[in-house]
Amino acid sequence: MSASPEPASGVAGPPATPQTTAVLLGTFADLHRQEAAAEEDIFRTLPFFGTALGIGIAALIYAAGRLPKWPDLTTDRGLDIFAAAGVLLALAIFEALCVPVCLSRALTQRPYQRIGPEPALRARLDELQAFYQRQGVAASRQDGELVEDMRQVLLESYVAVTPVNRAFNQRRHKLRARAAQHLIRSLIRAVGATIVIFVSDKLGYLPKVIP
């Protein structure tokens, strides 16, 4: 790397040695790839959410279909069972509605940032080449200097981009985890309502539902 402030690219602290720079560049590139892969995680889990949500909706429809009408209830026990099942169904519906809301918020996060773009990197290389030519650096030395300078440029790009992408991923993963929690609670309450209605129907506490 040249001692001139122009090609130093604003890196804080003393310049790294070539071997250290290469290690850092490889590590930063791997971290960037990890965040890029994590970006697609939310899309890969959409089929799971769709299937599980469909099962939950089917359970809700079944439970609601087995629940008698309010005017048909003639006993206090039947009214209590209807109220308990109704509360479970209402909570299950609410939780099920929260699932697509959380997923949509996760999917509509701000777009990710990427290294580059290529024209910017090429323009920076041209600037560095022009700088060394003005300084009268021999052509045999320019290539080595340019390699180290471009490594520093890439390191700066990774430092600027990867933490931003990681923050987006963390927010998206929290929203996906929240959607999973709503989904599980919805399924549990839908199954609970189904069990209450089914058992009560078998014990004769509820009037028969006429299709």
C-alpha atoms as a PDB file:
ATOM      1  CA  MET A   1       0.000   0.000   0.000  1.00  0.00           C
ATOM      2  CA  SER A   2       1.193   3.510  -0.746  1.00  0.00           C
ATOM      3  CA  ALA A   3       1.714   5.938   2.111  1.00  0.00           C
ATOM      4  CA  SER A   4      -0.299   8.583   0.257  1.00  0.00           C
ATOM      5  CA  PRO A   5      -3.690   9.405   1.823  1.00  0.00           C
ATOM      6  CA  GLU A   6      -5.560   9.041  -1.499  1.00  0.00           C
ATOM      7  CA  PRO A   7      -5.234   5.293  -2.066  1.00  0.00           C
ATOM      8  CA  ALA A   8      -5.518   4.505   1.642  1.00  0.00           C
ATOM      9  CA  SER A   9      -9.312   4.636   1.158  1.00  0.00           C
ATOM     10  CA  GLY A  10      -9.994   6.039   4.592  1.00  0.00           C
ATOM     11  CA  VAL A  11      -9.152   2.872   6.540  1.00  0.00           C
ATOM     12  CA  ALA A  12      -8.761   3.675  10.230  1.00  0.00           C
ATOM     13  CA  GLY A  13      -5.578   2.587  11.962  1.00  0.00           C
ATOM     14  CA  PRO A  14      -2.329   1.306  10.451  1.00  0.00           C
ATOM     15  CA  PRO A  15      -2.547  -0.545   7.143  1.00  0.00           C
ATOM     16  CA  ALA A  16      -2.739  -4.335   7.430  1.00  0.00           C
ATOM     17  CA  THR A  17      -0.025  -6.552   6.021  1.00  0.00           C
ATOM     18  CA  PRO A  18      -0.827  -8.368   2.749  1.00  0.00           C
ATOM     19  CA  GLN A  19      -1.312 -11.750   4.438  1.00  0.00           C
ATOM     20  CA  THR A  20      -3.519 -10.271   7.173  1.00  0.00           C
ATOM     21  CA  THR A  21      -5.538  -8.412   4.572  1.00  0.00           C
ATOM     22  CA  ALA A  22      -6.060 -11.627   2.630  1.00  0.00           C
ATOM     23  CA  VAL A  23      -7.279 -13.419   5.776  1.00  0.00           C
ATOM     24  CA  LEU A  24      -9.642 -10.573   6.629  1.00  0.00           C
ATOM     25  CA  LEU A  25     -10.932 -10.421   3.073  1.00  0.00           C
ATOM     26  CA  GLY A  26     -11.694 -14.149   3.044  1.00  0.00           C
ATOM     27  CA  THR A  27     -13.406 -13.944   6.436  1.00  0.00           C
ATOM     28  CA  PHE A  28     -15.483 -10.908   5.480  1.00  0.00           C
ATOM     29  CA  ALA A  29     -16.482 -12.542   2.191  1.00  0.00           C
ATOM     30  CA  ASP A  30     -17.663 -15.656   4.065  1.00  0.00           C
ATOM     31  CA  LEU A  31     -19.672 -13.553   6.535  1.00  0.00           C
ATOM     32  CA  HIS A  32     -21.243 -11.658   3.661  1.00  0.00           C
ATOM     33  CA  ARG A  33     -22.234 -14.928   1.982  1.00  0.00           C
ATOM     34  CA  GLN A  34     -23.778 -16.144   5.225  1.00  0.00           C
ATOM     35  CA  GLU A  35     -25.973 -13.042   5.460  1.00  0.00           C
ATOM     36  CA  ALA A  36     -26.911 -13.341   1.788  1.00  0.00           C
ATOM     37  CA  ALA A  37     -27.981 -16.957   2.391  1.00  0.00           C
ATOM     38  CA  ALA A  38     -29.918 -15.944   5.501  1.00  0.00           C
ATOM     39  CA  GLU A  39     -31.840 -13.491   3.341  1.00  0.00           C
ATOM     40  CA  GLU A  40     -33.431 -16.431   1.514  1.00  0.00           C
ATOM     41  CA  ASP A  41     -34.346 -18.330   4.684  1.00  0.00           C
ATOM     42  CA  ILE A  42     -37.675 -16.537   5.040  1.00  0.00           C
ATOM     43  CA  PHE A  43     -38.695 -17.537   1.526  1.00  0.00           C
ATOM     44  CA  ARG A  44     -37.652 -21.169   2.024  1.00  0.00           C
ATOM     45  CA  THR A  45     -39.917 -21.471   5.078  1.00  0.00           C
ATOM     46  CA  LEU A  46     -43.020 -20.044   3.382  1.00  0.00           C
ATOM     47  CA  PRO A  47     -44.273 -23.509   2.226  1.00  0.00           C
ATOM     48  CA  PHE A  48     -44.146 -24.711   5.842  1.00  0.00           C
ATOM     49  CA  PHE A  49     -46.189 -21.766   7.061  1.00  0.00           C
ATOM     50  CA  GLY A  50     -48.657 -22.162   4.207  1.00  0.00           C
ATOM     51  CA  THR A  51     -49.178 -25.873   4.909  1.00  0.00           C
ATOM     52  CA  ALA A  52     -49.468 -25.464   8.676  1.00  0.00           C
ATOM     53  CA  LEU A  53     -51.809 -22.508   8.311  1.00  0.00           C
ATOM     54  CA  GLY A  54     -53.993 -24.527   5.940  1.00  0.00           C
ATOM     55  CA  ILE A  55     -54.209 -27.326   8.521  1.00  0.00           C
ATOM     56  CA  GLY A  56     -55.161 -24.797  11.183  1.00  0.00           C
ATOM     57  CA  ILE A  57     -57.868 -23.266   9.008  1.00  0.00           C
ATOM     58  CA  ALA A  58     -59.269 -26.732   8.263  1.00  0.00           C
ATOM     59  CA  ALA A  59     -59.399 -27.475  12.010  1.00  0.00           C
ATOM     60  CA  LEU A  60     -61.178 -24.174  12.639  1.00  0.00           C
ATOM     61  CA  ILE A  61     -63.757 -24.887   9.950  1.00  0.00           C
ATOM     62  CA  TYR A  62     -64.376 -28.371  11.333  1.00  0.00           C
ATOM     63  CA  ALA A  63     -64.727 -27.122  14.914  1.00  0.00           C
ATOM     64  CA  ALA A  64     -67.019 -24.259  13.914  1.00  0.00           C
ATOM     65  CA  GLY A  65     -69.153 -26.659  11.867  1.00  0.00           C
ATOM     66  CA  ARG A  66     -69.639 -28.966  14.883  1.00  0.00           C
ATOM     67  CA  LEU A  67     -70.591 -26.093  17.183  1.00  0.00           C
ATOM     68  CA  PRO A  68     -74.399 -25.765  17.584  1.00  0.00           C
ATOM     69  CA  LYS A  69     -76.240 -22.478  17.231  1.00  0.00           C
ATOM     70  CA  TRP A  70     -76.780 -20.344  20.315  1.00  0.00           C
ATOM     71  CA  PRO A  71     -80.629 -20.556  20.201  1.00  0.00           C
ATOM     72  CA  ASP A  72     -80.408 -24.366  20.197  1.00  0.00           C
ATOM     73  CA  LEU A  73     -78.700 -24.450  23.600  1.00  0.00           C
ATOM     74  CA  THR A  74     -81.103 -25.227  26.432  1.00  0.00           C
ATOM     75  CA  THR A  75     -78.848 -26.036  29.401  1.00  0.00           C
ATOM     76  CA  ASP A  76     -76.359 -24.007  31.426  1.00  0.00           C
ATOM     77  CA  ARG A  77     -73.681 -26.609  30.817  1.00  0.00           C
ATOM     78  CA  GLY A  78     -74.247 -26.342  27.084  1.00  0.00           C
ATOM     79  CA  LEU A  79     -73.943 -22.553  27.292  1.00  0.00           C
ATOM     80  CA  ASP A  80     -70.688 -22.820  29.227  1.00  0.00           C
ATOM     81  CA  ILE A  81     -69.244 -25.272  26.729  1.00  0.00           C
ATOM     82  CA  PHE A  82     -70.342 -23.035  23.847  1.00  0.00           C
ATOM     83  CA  ALA A  83     -68.666 -20.024  25.504  1.00  0.00           C
ATOM     84  CA  ALA A  84     -65.428 -21.934  26.158  1.00  0.00           C
ATOM     85  CA  ALA A  85     -65.280 -23.313  22.621  1.00  0.00           C
ATOM     86  CA  GLY A  86     -66.172 -19.919  21.176  1.00  0.00           C
ATOM     87  CA  VAL A  87     -63.351 -18.200  23.072  1.00  0.00           C
ATOM     88  CA  LEU A  88     -60.848 -20.814  21.898  1.00  0.00           C
ATOM     89  CA  LEU A  89     -62.019 -20.450  18.307  1.00  0.00           C
ATOM     90  CA  ALA A  90     -61.876 -16.645  18.453  1.00  0.00           C
ATOM     91  CA  LEU A  91     -58.333 -16.728  19.856  1.00  0.00           C
ATOM     92  CA  ALA A  92     -57.290 -19.303  17.254  1.00  0.00           C
ATOM     93  CA  ILE A  93     -58.648 -17.110  14.459  1.00  0.00           C
ATOM     94  CA  PHE A  94     -56.862 -14.054  15.848  1.00  0.00           C
ATOM     95  CA  GLU A  95     -53.558 -15.924  16.112  1.00  0.00           C
ATOM     96  CA  ALA A  96     -53.989 -17.305  12.581  1.00  0.00           C
ATOM     97  CA  LEU A  97     -54.517 -13.779  11.226  1.00  0.00           C
ATOM     98  CA  CYS A  98     -51.322 -12.611  12.925  1.00  0.00           C
ATOM     99  CA  VAL A  99     -49.251 -15.186  10.994  1.00  0.00           C
ATOM    100  CA  PRO A 100     -49.545 -13.595   7.514  1.00  0.00           C
ATOM    101  CA  VAL A 101     -49.203 -10.135   9.062  1.00  0.00           C
ATOM    102  CA  CYS A 102     -45.827 -10.996  10.610  1.00  0.00           C
ATOM    103  CA  LEU A 103     -44.659 -12.790   7.479  1.00  0.00           C
ATOM    104  CA  SER A 104     -45.644  -9.876   5.252  1.00  0.00           C
ATOM    105  CA  ARG A 105     -43.699  -7.480   7.467  1.00  0.00           C
ATOM    106  CA  ALA A 106     -40.677  -9.785   7.249  1.00  0.00           C
ATOM    107  CA  LEU A 107     -40.938  -9.999   3.463  1.00  0.00           C
ATOM    108  CA  THR A 108     -41.318  -6.257   2.914  1.00  0.00           C
ATOM    109  CA  GLN A 109     -38.194  -5.210   4.803  1.00  0.00           C
ATOM    110  CA  ARG A 110     -35.848  -2.748   3.124  1.00  0.00           C
ATOM    111  CA  PRO A 111     -33.841  -4.373   0.276  1.00  0.00           C
ATOM    112  CA  TYR A 112     -30.439  -5.727   1.129  1.00  0.00           C
ATOM    113  CA  GLN A 113     -27.203  -4.044   0.184  1.00  0.00           C
ATOM    114  CA  ARG A 114     -24.607  -5.696  -1.998  1.00  0.00           C
ATOM    115  CA  ILE A 115     -20.885  -5.352  -2.535  1.00  0.00           C
ATOM    116  CA  GLY A 116     -19.945  -3.123  -5.428  1.00  0.00           C
ATOM    117  CA  PRO A 117     -21.501  -2.419  -7.798  1.00  0.00           C
ATOM    118  CA  GLU A 118     -18.956  -3.388 -10.426  1.00  0.00           C
ATOM    119  CA  PRO A 119     -18.855   0.041 -12.143  1.00  0.00           C
ATOM    120  CA  ALA A 120     -17.986   1.657  -8.795  1.00  0.00           C
ATOM    121  CA  LEU A 121     -15.138  -0.782  -8.194  1.00  0.00           C
ATOM    122  CA  ARG A 122     -13.863  -0.258 -11.733  1.00  0.00           C
ATOM    123  CA  ALA A 123     -14.041   3.514 -11.315  1.00  0.00           C
ATOM    124  CA  ARG A 124     -12.060   3.264  -8.065  1.00  0.00           C
ATOM    125  CA  LEU A 125      -9.412   1.170  -9.827  1.00  0.00           C
ATOM    126  CA  ASP A 126      -9.142   3.779 -12.583  1.00  0.00           C
ATOM    127  CA  GLU A 127      -8.701   6.508  -9.948  1.00  0.00           C
ATOM    128  CA  LEU A 128      -5.919   4.569  -8.248  1.00  0.00           C
ATOM    129  CA  GLN A 129      -4.160   3.876 -11.557  1.00  0.00           C
ATOM    130  CA  ALA A 130      -4.304   7.570 -12.433  1.00  0.00           C
ATOM    131  CA  PHE A 131      -2.959   8.453  -8.986  1.00  0.00           C
ATOM    132  CA  TYR A 132       0.073   6.164  -9.305  1.00  0.00           C
ATOM    133  CA  GLN A 133       0.759   7.429 -12.792  1.00  0.00           C
ATOM    134  CA  ARG A 134       0.778  11.009 -11.531  1.00  0.00           C
ATOM    135  CA  GLN A 135       3.149   9.948  -8.747  1.00  0.00           C
ATOM    136  CA  GLY A 136       5.493   8.436 -11.316  1.00  0.00           C
ATOM    137  CA  VAL A 137       5.314   4.925  -9.817  1.00  0.00           C
ATOM    138  CA  ALA A 138       6.983   2.409 -12.099  1.00  0.00           C
ATOM    139  CA  ALA A 139       4.622   0.131 -13.999  1.00  0.00           C
ATOM    140  CA  SER A 140       6.276  -2.931 -12.434  1.00  0.00           C
ATOM    141  CA  ARG A 141       5.261  -1.706  -8.965  1.00  0.00           C
ATOM    142  CA  GLN A 142       1.780  -0.482  -9.812  1.00  0.00           C
ATOM    143  CA  ASP A 143       0.181  -3.916  -9.964  1.00  0.00           C
ATOM    144  CA  GLY A 144       1.217  -4.892  -6.444  1.00  0.00           C
ATOM    145  CA  GLU A 145       0.147  -1.517  -5.061  1.00  0.00           C
ATOM    146  CA  LEU A 146      -3.186  -1.691  -6.864  1.00  0.00           C
ATOM    147  CA  VAL A 147      -3.892  -5.195  -5.552  1.00  0.00           C
ATOM    148  CA  GLU A 148      -3.406  -4.069  -1.953  1.00  0.00           C
ATOM    149  CA  ASP A 149      -5.449  -0.904  -2.483  1.00  0.00           C
ATOM    150  CA  MET A 150      -8.351  -2.818  -4.054  1.00  0.00           C
ATOM    151  CA  ARG A 151      -8.271  -5.289  -1.194  1.00  0.00           C
ATOM    152  CA  GLN A 152      -8.719  -2.394   1.188  1.00  0.00           C
ATOM    153  CA  VAL A 153     -11.574  -1.069  -0.953  1.00  0.00           C
ATOM    154  CA  LEU A 154     -13.308  -4.452  -0.763  1.00  0.00           C
ATOM    155  CA  LEU A 155     -12.711  -4.655   2.993  1.00  0.00           C
ATOM    156  CA  GLU A 156     -14.383  -1.268   3.406  1.00  0.00           C
ATOM    157  CA  SER A 157     -17.310  -2.423   1.304  1.00  0.00           C
ATOM    158  CA  TYR A 158     -17.792  -5.537   3.433  1.00  0.00           C
ATOM    159  CA  VAL A 159     -17.534  -3.499   6.642  1.00  0.00           C
ATOM    160  CA  ALA A 160     -20.185  -1.078   5.353  1.00  0.00           C
ATOM    161  CA  VAL A 161     -22.594  -3.637   3.878  1.00  0.00           C
ATOM    162  CA  THR A 162     -22.497  -6.798   6.014  1.00  0.00           C
ATOM    163  CA  PRO A 163     -23.565  -5.232   9.358  1.00  0.00           C
ATOM    164  CA  VAL A 164     -26.533  -3.573   7.640  1.00  0.00           C
ATOM    165  CA  ASN A 165     -27.626  -6.876   6.099  1.00  0.00           C
ATOM    166  CA  ARG A 166     -27.150  -8.633   9.432  1.00  0.00           C
ATOM    167  CA  ALA A 167     -29.424  -6.122  11.160  1.00  0.00           C
ATOM    168  CA  PHE A 168     -32.102  -6.673   8.496  1.00  0.00           C
ATOM    169  CA  ASN A 169     -31.794 -10.438   8.871  1.00  0.00           C
ATOM    170  CA  GLN A 170     -32.139 -10.233  12.638  1.00  0.00           C
ATOM    171  CA  ARG A 171     -35.344  -8.193  12.337  1.00  0.00           C
ATOM    172  CA  ARG A 172     -36.747 -10.554   9.707  1.00  0.00           C
ATOM    173  CA  HIS A 173     -35.907 -13.633  11.778  1.00  0.00           C
ATOM    174  CA  LYS A 174     -37.609 -12.110  14.827  1.00  0.00           C
ATOM    175  CA  LEU A 175     -40.746 -11.496  12.770  1.00  0.00           C
ATOM    176  CA  ARG A 176     -40.614 -15.049  11.416  1.00  0.00           C
ATOM    177  CA  ALA A 177     -40.210 -16.414  14.943  1.00  0.00           C
ATOM    178  CA  ARG A 178     -43.194 -14.340  16.042  1.00  0.00           C
ATOM    179  CA  ALA A 179     -45.216 -15.744  13.137  1.00  0.00           C
ATOM    180  CA  ALA A 180     -44.256 -19.271  14.210  1.00  0.00           C
ATOM    181  CA  GLN A 181     -45.390 -18.539  17.765  1.00  0.00           C
ATOM    182  CA  HIS A 182     -48.751 -17.243  16.531  1.00  0.00           C
ATOM    183  CA  LEU A 183     -49.100 -20.300  14.303  1.00  0.00           C
ATOM    184  CA  ILE A 184     -48.424 -22.770  17.120  1.00  0.00           C
ATOM    185  CA  ARG A 185     -50.826 -21.000  19.471  1.00  0.00           C
ATOM    186  CA  SER A 186     -53.489 -20.948  16.758  1.00  0.00           C
ATOM    187  CA  LEU A 187     -53.121 -24.674  16.136  1.00  0.00           C
ATOM    188  CA  ILE A 188     -53.215 -25.482  19.863  1.00  0.00           C
ATOM    189  CA  ARG A 189     -56.370 -23.442  20.423  1.00  0.00           C
ATOM    190  CA  ALA A 190     -58.061 -24.808  17.306  1.00  0.00           C
ATOM    191  CA  VAL A 191     -57.311 -28.371  18.434  1.00  0.00           C
ATOM    192  CA  GLY A 192     -58.457 -27.501  21.963  1.00  0.00           C
ATOM    193  CA  ALA A 193     -61.771 -26.158  20.672  1.00  0.00           C
ATOM    194  CA  THR A 194     -62.218 -29.264  18.534  1.00  0.00           C
ATOM    195  CA  ILE A 195     -61.593 -31.549  21.512  1.00  0.00           C
ATOM    196  CA  VAL A 196     -64.008 -29.601  23.730  1.00  0.00           C
ATOM    197  CA  ILE A 197     -66.747 -29.717  21.120  1.00  0.00           C
ATOM    198  CA  PHE A 198     -66.152 -33.371  20.202  1.00  0.00           C
ATOM    199  CA  VAL A 199     -66.076 -34.633  23.810  1.00  0.00           C
ATOM    200  CA  SER A 200     -69.066 -32.521  24.809  1.00  0.00           C
ATOM    201  CA  ASP A 201     -70.999 -33.798  21.814  1.00  0.00           C
ATOM    202  CA  LYS A 202     -70.201 -37.417  22.685  1.00  0.00           C
ATOM    203  CA  LEU A 203     -71.261 -36.863  26.314  1.00  0.00           C
ATOM    204  CA  GLY A 204     -74.549 -35.354  25.161  1.00  0.00           C
ATOM    205  CA  TYR A 205     -73.933 -31.889  26.579  1.00  0.00           C
ATOM    206  CA  LEU A 206     -74.528 -30.238  23.196  1.00  0.00           C
ATOM    207  CA  PRO A 207     -77.502 -30.657  20.885  1.00  0.00           C
ATOM    208  CA  LYS A 208     -76.905 -32.490  17.648  1.00  0.00           C
ATOM    209  CA  VAL A 209     -75.914 -30.279  14.723  1.00  0.00           C
ATOM    210  CA  ILE A 210     -78.280 -30.751  11.798  1.00  0.00           C
ATOM    211  CA  PRO A 211     -76.442 -30.316   8.466  1.00  0.00           C
END
